[in-house]
Amino acid sequence: MKGGYFGFGNYIYYEVENFANELNYELRNNAVATDRGCLSLSDQAVKVLREQARLIRKTAQVMECIDKFFAGDCEEDTFLERIQQLNPPIVEGK
């Protein structure tokens, strides 16, 4: 596997995934230490931030899939299948 087509070969999707991981790490205690003290988060804020972390992680997965496709690590049909798995079609009424 080559990958690294975008971002000067630096696998930039790892940085995006690391952001999501760090966010989840900070949310585990429901209080985030900042240089100004401790930021207390409401349950609603934690819920919203966890959902954003999930979306950020999914974005990293899509970025990796695209990067590997452009790098020639997979054929178009494999790429399209992976993208469809990451983004299943929305079924009306569900």
Protein backbone atom coordinates (compact mmCIF):
# COMPACT_ATOMS: atom_id res chain seq x y z
CA MET A 1 0.00 0.00 0.00
CA LYS A 2 1.38 3.37 -1.01
CA GLY A 3 -1.17 6.01 -0.08
CA GLY A 4 0.03 9.50 0.67
CA TYR A 5 -1.11 11.00 -2.63
CA PHE A 6 -2.46 14.18 -1.00
CA GLY A 7 -0.69 16.29 1.59
CA PHE A 8 2.81 15.76 0.21
CA GLY A 9 2.72 12.08 1.16
CA ASN A 10 2.10 12.86 4.83
CA TYR A 11 -1.10 10.81 5.21
CA ILE A 12 -3.00 13.87 6.41
CA TYR A 13 -6.05 11.80 7.31
CA TYR A 14 -4.10 10.52 10.33
CA GLU A 15 -4.03 14.06 11.71
CA VAL A 16 -7.79 14.34 11.27
CA GLU A 17 -8.31 11.02 13.07
CA ASN A 18 -5.91 12.12 15.83
CA PHE A 19 -8.03 15.23 16.33
CA ALA A 20 -11.11 13.04 16.87
CA ASN A 21 -9.17 10.79 19.26
CA GLU A 22 -7.92 13.75 21.29
CA LEU A 23 -11.40 15.22 21.44
CA ASN A 24 -12.81 11.93 22.76
CA TYR A 25 -9.99 11.73 25.30
CA GLU A 26 -10.85 15.19 26.62
CA LEU A 27 -14.56 14.38 26.79
CA ARG A 28 -14.11 11.24 28.90
CA ASN A 29 -13.92 13.30 32.11
CA ASN A 30 -16.62 15.77 31.04
CA ALA A 31 -14.24 18.55 32.04
CA VAL A 32 -11.54 19.97 29.83
CA ALA A 33 -8.43 21.56 31.32
CA THR A 34 -7.49 24.77 29.51
CA ASP A 35 -4.86 27.40 30.11
CA ARG A 36 -7.64 29.45 31.76
CA GLY A 37 -8.70 26.72 34.19
CA CYS A 38 -11.22 23.97 33.78
CA LEU A 39 -13.98 24.11 31.19
CA SER A 40 -17.03 22.28 32.52
CA LEU A 41 -19.27 20.89 29.82
CA SER A 42 -22.97 20.25 29.97
CA ASP A 43 -24.29 16.81 29.09
CA GLN A 44 -25.74 18.31 25.90
CA ALA A 45 -22.38 19.80 24.89
CA VAL A 46 -20.64 16.47 25.52
CA LYS A 47 -23.27 14.68 23.44
CA VAL A 48 -22.86 17.12 20.53
CA LEU A 49 -19.06 16.98 20.71
CA ARG A 50 -19.04 13.17 20.73
CA GLU A 51 -21.19 13.15 17.60
CA GLN A 52 -18.81 15.64 15.97
CA ALA A 53 -15.86 13.39 16.90
CA ARG A 54 -17.67 10.48 15.22
CA LEU A 55 -18.19 12.55 12.07
CA ILE A 56 -14.57 13.72 12.10
CA ARG A 57 -13.39 10.11 12.35
CA LYS A 58 -15.67 9.15 9.46
CA THR A 59 -14.26 12.06 7.45
CA ALA A 60 -10.75 10.70 8.08
CA GLN A 61 -11.88 7.30 6.77
CA VAL A 62 -13.29 8.89 3.60
CA MET A 63 -10.08 10.91 3.16
CA GLU A 64 -7.98 7.75 3.48
CA CYS A 65 -10.14 5.95 0.93
CA ILE A 66 -9.81 8.81 -1.58
CA ASP A 67 -6.08 9.12 -0.94
CA LYS A 68 -5.49 5.42 -1.58
CA PHE A 69 -7.58 5.55 -4.76
CA PHE A 70 -5.57 8.47 -6.15
CA ALA A 71 -2.33 6.74 -5.14
CA GLY A 72 -3.32 3.71 -7.20
CA ASP A 73 -3.75 1.40 -4.22
CA CYS A 74 -7.21 0.28 -5.29
CA GLU A 75 -9.29 0.05 -8.44
CA GLU A 76 -12.28 2.28 -9.09
CA ASP A 77 -14.85 -0.41 -8.28
CA THR A 78 -13.17 -1.10 -4.92
CA PHE A 79 -13.04 2.63 -4.19
CA LEU A 80 -16.73 3.08 -5.01
CA GLU A 81 -17.66 0.08 -2.84
CA ARG A 82 -15.69 1.46 0.12
CA ILE A 83 -17.25 4.90 -0.24
CA GLN A 84 -20.71 3.35 -0.35
CA GLN A 85 -19.94 1.37 2.82
CA LEU A 86 -18.85 4.56 4.58
CA ASN A 87 -21.84 6.52 3.27
CA PRO A 88 -24.83 4.19 2.97
CA PRO A 89 -27.73 5.62 1.01
CA ILE A 90 -30.40 7.35 3.05
CA VAL A 91 -33.72 5.52 2.92
CA GLU A 92 -36.73 7.82 2.89
CA GLY A 93 -39.09 7.42 5.84
CA LYS A 94 -36.63 5.80 8.24
